[in-house]
Amino acid sequence: MDNVTRIVERCQQLFDDLEFTAVQEWKAKDPARKAIGYMPVYVPRELVHAAGYLPVGILGGGDAMEVIQGDAYYQSYICRIPRSTLELGLTGKLDCLDGMLFPSICDVIRNLSGMWQILFPGKYVKYFDVPQNYVDEIGGSFYIHEMQALRDDLGKMRGKPITDEEINDSIAVYNDNRAAVRELYAYRARMPWQAPTSEVYLLLRAGMVLPPEEHTALVREYLVETDKVQRPRRDNARIVLTGSFCEQPPLALIKSIEMSGCYVVDDDFMLVTRWLLDDVPADANPLDELSKAFLHRSASTAAKYDATREEKGIFLVKQVKSRGAEGVVFAAPSFCDPALLERPMLQDVLAQRKIPYTAFKYAENTGQMAPIREQAGTFADSIKLWSDAA
């Protein structure tokens, strides 16, 4: 087995494991260890890590879990991820977690945080809100207050306050992790045939259950090893895949898009890994610096409030240009209000700039991939025809 295969297979095993064995094994090494789950759009994982705890990304049950109990809590016209997340909790698969953080994504996730408090009264639960005002003295102060409340709660949980030095140390750890992920994304954009998105996605998923230091080393090992193996290069269309910031697509969907003739050169998978766009200073007031990074140096997504209408779509256009993409594929979960309400505005911005796009919906348990593969393939062919004509 070559090293790339070994790394990818390890990530696949972590991806398939709905029992969270890696988290259980990490906790078993020290009885004082705790694990805090979060839905991986954005939470300040630095605070959890600074407490000595393991931040664990929870992404529902995917296509490997039948949802039975979870369906009793939500209507059929609600996206699937809250139902499958409840199924994970109600069937005991999340018993290894000592708490859950629910970031400000949408009303559905806000309601899920309330359900979690009722269903799991012995667990720590927090709905983590973020600012919608981007003035430091207003939204920044609010966000610092939210982070301080989380910091105080985690300090009480471990029995002693979390110091600024501990948070700064954790900021440095996550700076390194974000840098490694940026290196991975830059490498894929430069040579997408060498780093297939199906493998990049599995690498990101591994970071949801591994300590950040271990995940950083794994990403960099992959980059070294995949660069040694020359893979076939195809005349595929270079696309940005967007809209899946919360409920993640099935792995088979990603593979289908790649097999259709598309190279994914940017995406919004596991956005928590790339929410902050550059390093956060690790030698100052940590909450102030995390606040400034969120307000002024963070990614744009449907789950985040845009300060002005003029900003809508500009981040996506920059992704297209900076990654050398030839088009955009909007892939959003069915019934995802934030993504589907934002999509027409983004499409309008792309149309004004003559950037081709197509769109479809999915669920995390989507089983029929042929229509998606055919649509993506037709889109890739049309891009090649347009670019040839130009």
Protein backbone atom coordinates (compact mmCIF):
# COMPACT_ATOMS: atom_id res chain seq x y z
CA MET A 1 0.00 0.00 0.00
CA ASP A 2 1.43 3.38 -0.97
CA ASN A 3 1.42 6.22 1.53
CA VAL A 4 -1.33 8.23 -0.18
CA THR A 5 -3.65 5.21 -0.11
CA ARG A 6 -2.78 4.62 3.55
CA ILE A 7 -3.62 8.22 4.49
CA VAL A 8 -6.86 8.27 2.50
CA GLU A 9 -7.98 4.91 3.89
CA ARG A 10 -7.38 6.13 7.43
CA CYS A 11 -9.49 9.22 6.71
CA GLN A 12 -12.17 7.01 5.15
CA GLN A 13 -12.31 4.89 8.31
CA LEU A 14 -12.76 8.01 10.44
CA PHE A 15 -15.45 9.22 8.02
CA ASP A 16 -17.38 5.94 8.19
CA ASP A 17 -17.19 5.58 11.98
CA LEU A 18 -20.48 6.82 13.44
CA GLU A 19 -19.44 5.49 16.86
CA PHE A 20 -16.71 8.17 17.10
CA THR A 21 -14.13 5.59 18.17
CA ALA A 22 -11.25 8.05 17.69
CA VAL A 23 -12.87 10.42 20.19
CA GLN A 24 -13.48 7.61 22.66
CA GLU A 25 -9.86 6.47 22.38
CA TRP A 26 -8.59 10.04 22.89
CA LYS A 27 -10.67 10.42 26.04
CA ALA A 28 -9.67 6.99 27.38
CA LYS A 29 -6.03 8.08 27.66
CA ASP A 30 -6.85 10.52 30.48
CA PRO A 31 -10.01 10.50 32.66
CA ALA A 32 -9.87 14.30 32.88
CA ARG A 33 -10.30 14.70 29.14
CA LYS A 34 -13.58 15.91 27.71
CA ALA A 35 -14.95 16.32 24.18
CA ILE A 36 -17.19 19.14 23.01
CA GLY A 37 -19.20 18.70 19.83
CA TYR A 38 -20.05 21.48 17.42
CA MET A 39 -21.73 21.86 14.05
CA PRO A 40 -18.81 22.86 11.81
CA VAL A 41 -19.85 26.09 10.20
CA TYR A 42 -18.08 28.25 12.75
CA VAL A 43 -17.32 28.19 16.46
CA PRO A 44 -14.10 29.45 18.12
CA ARG A 45 -12.52 26.03 18.56
CA GLU A 46 -9.51 27.75 20.13
CA LEU A 47 -11.45 28.16 23.38
CA VAL A 48 -12.36 24.48 23.58
CA HIS A 49 -8.79 23.47 22.82
CA ALA A 50 -7.43 25.94 25.38
CA ALA A 51 -9.47 24.17 28.06
CA GLY A 52 -7.64 20.97 27.19
CA TYR A 53 -10.74 19.51 25.54
CA LEU A 54 -11.22 18.00 22.08
CA PRO A 55 -13.45 19.94 19.66
CA VAL A 56 -15.48 17.41 17.65
CA GLY A 57 -17.29 18.35 14.43
CA ILE A 58 -20.75 16.80 14.15
CA LEU A 59 -22.12 16.51 10.61
CA GLY A 60 -25.19 14.37 11.02
CA GLY A 61 -25.40 10.72 10.04
CA GLY A 62 -24.68 11.04 6.34
CA ASP A 63 -25.99 8.36 4.00
CA ALA A 64 -25.05 5.46 6.29
CA MET A 65 -27.73 6.07 8.93
CA GLU A 66 -31.45 5.44 8.81
CA VAL A 67 -33.28 8.24 10.61
CA ILE A 68 -36.21 6.97 12.67
CA GLN A 69 -36.42 8.77 16.01
CA GLY A 70 -35.08 12.05 14.61
CA ASP A 71 -37.97 12.31 12.16
CA ALA A 72 -40.38 12.67 15.08
CA TYR A 73 -38.90 16.05 16.02
CA TYR A 74 -38.91 17.89 12.70
CA GLN A 75 -41.27 18.40 9.79
CA SER A 76 -40.59 16.65 6.50
CA TYR A 77 -39.85 20.00 4.82
CA ILE A 78 -36.82 20.65 7.04
CA CYS A 79 -33.28 19.78 5.93
CA ARG A 80 -32.01 16.39 7.02
CA ILE A 81 -28.97 17.25 9.15
CA PRO A 82 -30.86 18.22 12.36
CA ARG A 83 -32.89 15.00 12.16
CA SER A 84 -29.85 12.78 11.68
CA THR A 85 -27.94 14.68 14.38
CA LEU A 86 -30.80 13.96 16.77
CA GLU A 87 -30.69 10.33 15.64
CA LEU A 88 -26.99 10.18 16.55
CA GLY A 89 -27.76 11.58 19.98
CA LEU A 90 -30.87 9.51 20.72
CA THR A 91 -29.17 6.25 19.70
CA GLY A 92 -26.22 6.90 22.04
CA LYS A 93 -23.61 7.48 19.36
CA LEU A 94 -22.74 10.89 20.83
CA ASP A 95 -22.47 9.69 24.42
CA CYS A 96 -18.72 10.33 24.19
CA LEU A 97 -19.43 14.07 24.02
CA ASP A 98 -19.58 16.12 27.20
CA GLY A 99 -21.27 19.07 25.53
CA MET A 100 -22.53 20.54 22.27
CA LEU A 101 -22.13 23.97 20.70
CA PHE A 102 -24.73 25.06 18.16
CA PRO A 103 -23.45 27.97 16.07
CA SER A 104 -25.71 30.63 14.64
CA ILE A 105 -26.62 29.09 11.27
CA CYS A 106 -30.39 29.27 10.93
CA ASP A 107 -33.65 28.96 12.87
CA VAL A 108 -33.60 25.17 12.51
CA ILE A 109 -30.26 24.87 14.30
CA ARG A 110 -31.38 27.38 16.93
CA ASN A 111 -34.35 25.10 17.63
CA LEU A 112 -32.07 22.06 17.66
CA SER A 113 -30.03 23.62 20.48
CA GLY A 114 -33.20 23.98 22.54
CA MET A 115 -34.21 20.39 21.86
CA TRP A 116 -30.74 19.24 22.89
CA GLN A 117 -31.05 20.97 26.26
CA ILE A 118 -34.34 19.17 26.92
CA LEU A 119 -33.30 15.75 25.63
CA PHE A 120 -29.82 15.69 27.20
CA PRO A 121 -30.13 17.60 30.50
CA GLY A 122 -26.84 16.24 31.84
CA LYS A 123 -24.79 17.66 28.97
CA TYR A 124 -23.42 21.15 28.48
CA VAL A 125 -25.30 22.88 25.65
CA LYS A 126 -24.79 26.36 24.25
CA TYR A 127 -26.26 28.19 21.30
CA PHE A 128 -23.28 30.22 20.14
CA ASP A 129 -24.46 33.49 18.63
CA VAL A 130 -22.37 35.78 16.42
CA PRO A 131 -22.68 39.49 15.61
CA GLN A 132 -24.59 41.03 12.73
CA ASN A 133 -23.03 44.43 13.27
CA TYR A 134 -19.41 44.70 12.12
CA VAL A 135 -18.37 47.75 14.12
CA ASP A 136 -15.77 46.73 16.71
CA GLU A 137 -17.38 48.75 19.49
CA ILE A 138 -20.81 47.18 18.85
CA GLY A 139 -20.70 43.79 17.16
CA GLY A 140 -17.16 43.21 18.36
CA SER A 141 -18.12 43.86 21.98
CA PHE A 142 -21.08 41.51 21.65
CA TYR A 143 -18.91 38.76 20.20
CA ILE A 144 -16.27 39.15 22.90
CA HIS A 145 -19.06 38.82 25.47
CA GLU A 146 -20.25 35.60 23.81
CA MET A 147 -16.73 34.16 23.77
CA GLN A 148 -16.15 35.17 27.39
CA ALA A 149 -19.34 33.36 28.42
CA LEU A 150 -18.12 30.20 26.66
CA ARG A 151 -14.68 30.64 28.20
CA ASP A 152 -16.21 30.94 31.68
CA ASP A 153 -18.41 27.88 31.16
CA LEU A 154 -15.52 25.71 30.00
CA GLY A 155 -13.38 26.99 32.87
CA LYS A 156 -16.04 25.94 35.37
CA MET A 157 -16.31 22.56 33.66
CA ARG A 158 -12.59 21.85 34.08
CA GLY A 159 -12.35 23.43 37.55
CA LYS A 160 -10.11 26.42 36.83
CA PRO A 161 -10.25 29.51 34.60
CA ILE A 162 -8.80 29.46 31.10
CA THR A 163 -5.90 31.90 30.87
CA ASP A 164 -5.03 34.27 28.04
CA GLU A 165 -1.77 32.38 27.60
CA GLU A 166 -3.62 29.09 27.09
CA ILE A 167 -5.91 30.67 24.49
CA ASN A 168 -2.96 32.27 22.68
CA ASP A 169 -1.22 28.89 22.59
CA SER A 170 -4.35 27.38 21.07
CA ILE A 171 -4.62 30.23 18.57
CA ALA A 172 -1.10 29.38 17.43
CA VAL A 173 -2.10 25.70 17.05
CA TYR A 174 -5.11 26.60 14.93
CA ASN A 175 -3.14 29.15 12.93
CA ASP A 176 -0.89 26.28 11.92
CA ASN A 177 -3.88 24.06 11.13
CA ARG A 178 -5.51 26.76 9.00
CA ALA A 179 -2.21 27.32 7.23
CA ALA A 180 -1.97 23.60 6.43
CA VAL A 181 -5.52 23.60 5.04
CA ARG A 182 -4.74 26.71 2.97
CA GLU A 183 -1.69 24.88 1.60
CA LEU A 184 -3.92 21.92 0.73
CA TYR A 185 -6.46 24.12 -1.04
CA ALA A 186 -3.77 26.04 -2.91
CA TYR A 187 -2.17 22.77 -4.02
CA ARG A 188 -5.50 21.40 -5.25
CA ALA A 189 -6.29 24.63 -7.13
CA ARG A 190 -2.89 24.45 -8.80
CA MET A 191 -2.99 20.70 -9.59
CA PRO A 192 -6.50 19.32 -8.96
CA TRP A 193 -5.63 16.01 -10.61
CA GLN A 194 -2.99 15.43 -7.91
CA ALA A 195 -5.38 16.13 -5.02
CA PRO A 196 -8.87 14.89 -5.95
CA THR A 197 -11.60 16.65 -4.03
CA SER A 198 -12.94 13.34 -2.75
CA GLU A 199 -9.59 12.93 -0.95
CA VAL A 200 -9.40 16.56 0.16
CA TYR A 201 -12.89 16.23 1.61
CA LEU A 202 -11.93 13.12 3.59
CA LEU A 203 -8.86 14.94 4.92
CA LEU A 204 -11.08 17.76 6.16
CA ARG A 205 -13.50 15.32 7.73
CA ALA A 206 -10.62 13.70 9.62
CA GLY A 207 -9.97 17.08 11.21
CA MET A 208 -13.43 16.96 12.78
CA VAL A 209 -12.44 14.14 15.16
CA LEU A 210 -8.64 14.38 15.47
CA PRO A 211 -6.71 16.81 17.70
CA PRO A 212 -5.69 19.80 15.54
CA GLU A 213 -1.97 19.09 15.94
CA GLU A 214 -2.43 15.56 14.60
CA HIS A 215 -4.65 16.76 11.77
CA THR A 216 -2.14 19.40 10.70
CA ALA A 217 0.59 16.75 10.47
CA LEU A 218 -1.73 14.46 8.49
CA VAL A 219 -2.58 17.17 5.92
CA ARG A 220 1.06 18.03 5.38
CA GLU A 221 2.03 14.37 5.09
CA TYR A 222 -0.63 13.95 2.41
CA LEU A 223 0.72 16.92 0.46
CA VAL A 224 4.22 15.48 0.49
CA GLU A 225 3.12 11.97 -0.46
CA THR A 226 0.60 12.86 -3.18
CA ASP A 227 3.18 15.06 -4.87
CA LYS A 228 5.37 11.98 -5.32
CA VAL A 229 2.70 10.10 -7.28
CA GLN A 230 2.08 11.34 -10.81
CA ARG A 231 -1.61 11.06 -11.59
CA PRO A 232 -3.26 11.42 -15.00
CA ARG A 233 -4.27 14.96 -15.97
CA ARG A 234 -7.57 15.43 -17.80
CA ASP A 235 -9.12 18.30 -19.72
CA ASN A 236 -11.73 18.90 -17.03
CA ALA A 237 -13.64 22.10 -16.32
CA ARG A 238 -12.42 23.98 -13.25
CA ILE A 239 -15.34 24.82 -10.96
CA VAL A 240 -16.13 26.32 -7.57
CA LEU A 241 -18.62 24.22 -5.60
CA THR A 242 -20.67 26.29 -3.15
CA GLY A 243 -23.77 26.08 -0.95
CA SER A 244 -22.94 23.07 1.23
CA PHE A 245 -21.60 24.95 4.25
CA CYS A 246 -23.78 23.10 6.79
CA GLU A 247 -25.31 19.80 5.64
CA GLN A 248 -22.52 18.08 3.77
CA PRO A 249 -23.02 16.23 0.47
CA PRO A 250 -22.56 12.45 0.29
CA LEU A 251 -19.05 11.43 -0.67
CA ALA A 252 -20.55 9.72 -3.74
CA LEU A 253 -21.88 13.08 -4.93
CA ILE A 254 -18.41 14.61 -4.82
CA LYS A 255 -17.00 11.66 -6.72
CA SER A 256 -19.82 11.91 -9.28
CA ILE A 257 -19.03 15.56 -9.95
CA GLU A 258 -15.37 14.69 -10.44
CA MET A 259 -16.21 11.77 -12.75
CA SER A 260 -18.49 14.05 -14.79
CA GLY A 261 -15.49 16.06 -16.02
CA CYS A 262 -15.14 18.71 -13.32
CA TYR A 263 -12.17 19.67 -11.19
CA VAL A 264 -13.38 21.29 -7.98
CA VAL A 265 -10.82 24.01 -7.26
CA ASP A 266 -12.64 25.65 -4.33
CA ASP A 267 -15.60 24.83 -2.09
CA ASP A 268 -17.23 25.59 1.25
CA PHE A 269 -16.96 22.17 2.89
CA MET A 270 -16.33 22.19 6.68
CA LEU A 271 -16.12 25.95 6.61
CA VAL A 272 -14.87 26.09 10.19
CA THR A 273 -11.45 25.05 8.89
CA ARG A 274 -11.22 28.13 6.65
CA TRP A 275 -13.61 30.65 8.20
CA LEU A 276 -10.78 32.88 9.38
CA LEU A 277 -8.80 33.87 6.29
CA ASP A 278 -5.39 34.50 7.83
CA ASP A 279 -3.42 34.10 11.04
CA VAL A 280 -4.81 35.50 14.27
CA PRO A 281 -2.17 37.29 16.39
CA ALA A 282 -1.19 34.93 19.20
CA ASP A 283 0.62 37.45 21.38
CA ALA A 284 -2.13 39.92 22.32
CA ASN A 285 -5.57 39.94 23.96
CA PRO A 286 -6.91 36.68 22.48
CA LEU A 287 -10.63 37.46 22.56
CA ASP A 288 -10.06 40.87 20.99
CA GLU A 289 -8.00 39.33 18.20
CA LEU A 290 -10.49 36.51 17.56
CA SER A 291 -13.24 39.12 17.39
CA LYS A 292 -11.36 41.30 14.90
CA ALA A 293 -10.58 38.26 12.75
CA PHE A 294 -14.25 37.27 12.66
CA LEU A 295 -15.48 40.76 11.87
CA HIS A 296 -12.92 41.80 9.29
CA ARG A 297 -11.02 38.76 7.99
CA SER A 298 -13.50 35.94 7.61
CA ALA A 299 -15.17 34.04 4.77
CA SER A 300 -18.50 35.04 3.30
CA THR A 301 -21.34 32.52 3.45
CA ALA A 302 -25.13 32.39 3.53
CA ALA A 303 -24.92 31.65 7.26
CA LYS A 304 -23.18 34.98 7.90
CA TYR A 305 -24.78 38.40 7.76
CA ASP A 306 -23.48 40.68 5.01
CA ALA A 307 -23.05 44.23 6.23
CA THR A 308 -24.05 45.76 2.88
CA ARG A 309 -25.89 44.51 -0.21
CA GLU A 310 -22.89 45.52 -2.32
CA GLU A 311 -20.79 42.81 -0.65
CA LYS A 312 -23.14 40.01 -1.73
CA GLY A 313 -21.40 37.69 -4.17
CA ILE A 314 -18.05 39.49 -4.24
CA PHE A 315 -16.36 36.79 -2.14
CA LEU A 316 -17.60 34.13 -4.59
CA VAL A 317 -16.36 36.12 -7.59
CA LYS A 318 -12.95 36.41 -5.92
CA GLN A 319 -12.92 32.64 -5.37
CA VAL A 320 -13.58 32.09 -9.08
CA LYS A 321 -10.84 34.47 -10.18
CA SER A 322 -8.19 33.55 -7.62
CA ARG A 323 -8.59 29.81 -8.23
CA GLY A 324 -8.73 30.10 -12.01
CA ALA A 325 -12.22 28.58 -12.07
CA GLU A 326 -14.30 28.51 -15.24
CA GLY A 327 -17.70 28.21 -13.60
CA VAL A 328 -19.70 27.72 -10.41
CA VAL A 329 -21.83 24.79 -9.28
CA PHE A 330 -24.40 25.65 -6.63
CA ALA A 331 -25.00 22.52 -4.57
CA ALA A 332 -27.26 23.17 -1.60
CA PRO A 333 -29.20 20.83 0.68
CA SER A 334 -32.92 20.63 0.06
CA PHE A 335 -34.89 23.02 2.30
CA CYS A 336 -31.76 24.98 3.28
CA ASP A 337 -33.25 28.46 3.63
CA PRO A 338 -29.96 30.40 3.95
CA ALA A 339 -28.36 28.82 0.86
CA LEU A 340 -31.45 28.73 -1.33
CA LEU A 341 -32.54 32.28 -0.50
CA GLU A 342 -29.07 33.61 -1.20
CA ARG A 343 -28.58 31.67 -4.43
CA PRO A 344 -30.55 34.01 -6.78
CA MET A 345 -28.54 37.00 -5.57
CA LEU A 346 -25.26 35.18 -6.15
CA GLN A 347 -26.39 33.98 -9.56
CA ASP A 348 -27.24 37.55 -10.51
CA VAL A 349 -23.72 38.68 -9.60
CA LEU A 350 -22.22 35.84 -11.66
CA ALA A 351 -24.47 36.61 -14.64
CA GLN A 352 -23.39 40.25 -14.60
CA ARG A 353 -19.79 39.08 -14.89
CA LYS A 354 -20.59 36.38 -17.47
CA ILE A 355 -19.44 33.57 -15.18
CA PRO A 356 -21.25 30.29 -16.08
CA TYR A 357 -23.13 28.45 -13.34
CA THR A 358 -25.53 25.60 -12.73
CA ALA A 359 -27.44 24.50 -9.64
CA PHE A 360 -28.95 21.46 -7.99
CA LYS A 361 -30.09 20.30 -4.55
CA TYR A 362 -29.23 17.22 -2.53
CA ALA A 363 -29.66 15.62 0.89
CA GLU A 364 -26.91 14.03 2.95
CA ASN A 365 -28.46 10.64 2.13
CA THR A 366 -29.02 11.27 -1.59
CA GLY A 367 -28.71 7.91 -3.30
CA GLN A 368 -29.35 8.54 -7.01
CA MET A 369 -26.26 10.20 -8.47
CA ALA A 370 -26.85 9.69 -12.19
CA PRO A 371 -28.91 12.89 -12.72
CA ILE A 372 -26.35 14.98 -10.82
CA ARG A 373 -23.49 13.43 -12.77
CA GLU A 374 -25.30 14.08 -16.06
CA GLN A 375 -26.06 17.70 -15.13
CA ALA A 376 -22.49 18.37 -14.00
CA GLY A 377 -21.13 16.68 -17.11
CA THR A 378 -23.34 18.76 -19.40
CA PHE A 379 -22.21 21.89 -17.57
CA ALA A 380 -18.53 20.92 -17.96
CA ASP A 381 -19.04 20.27 -21.68
CA SER A 382 -20.76 23.62 -22.17
CA ILE A 383 -17.92 25.43 -20.42
CA LYS A 384 -15.42 23.83 -22.75
CA LEU A 385 -17.52 24.78 -25.76
CA TRP A 386 -17.89 28.38 -24.57
CA SER A 387 -14.20 28.73 -23.79
CA ASP A 388 -13.24 27.27 -27.18
CA ALA A 389 -15.59 29.66 -28.94
CA ALA A 390 -14.14 32.58 -27.03
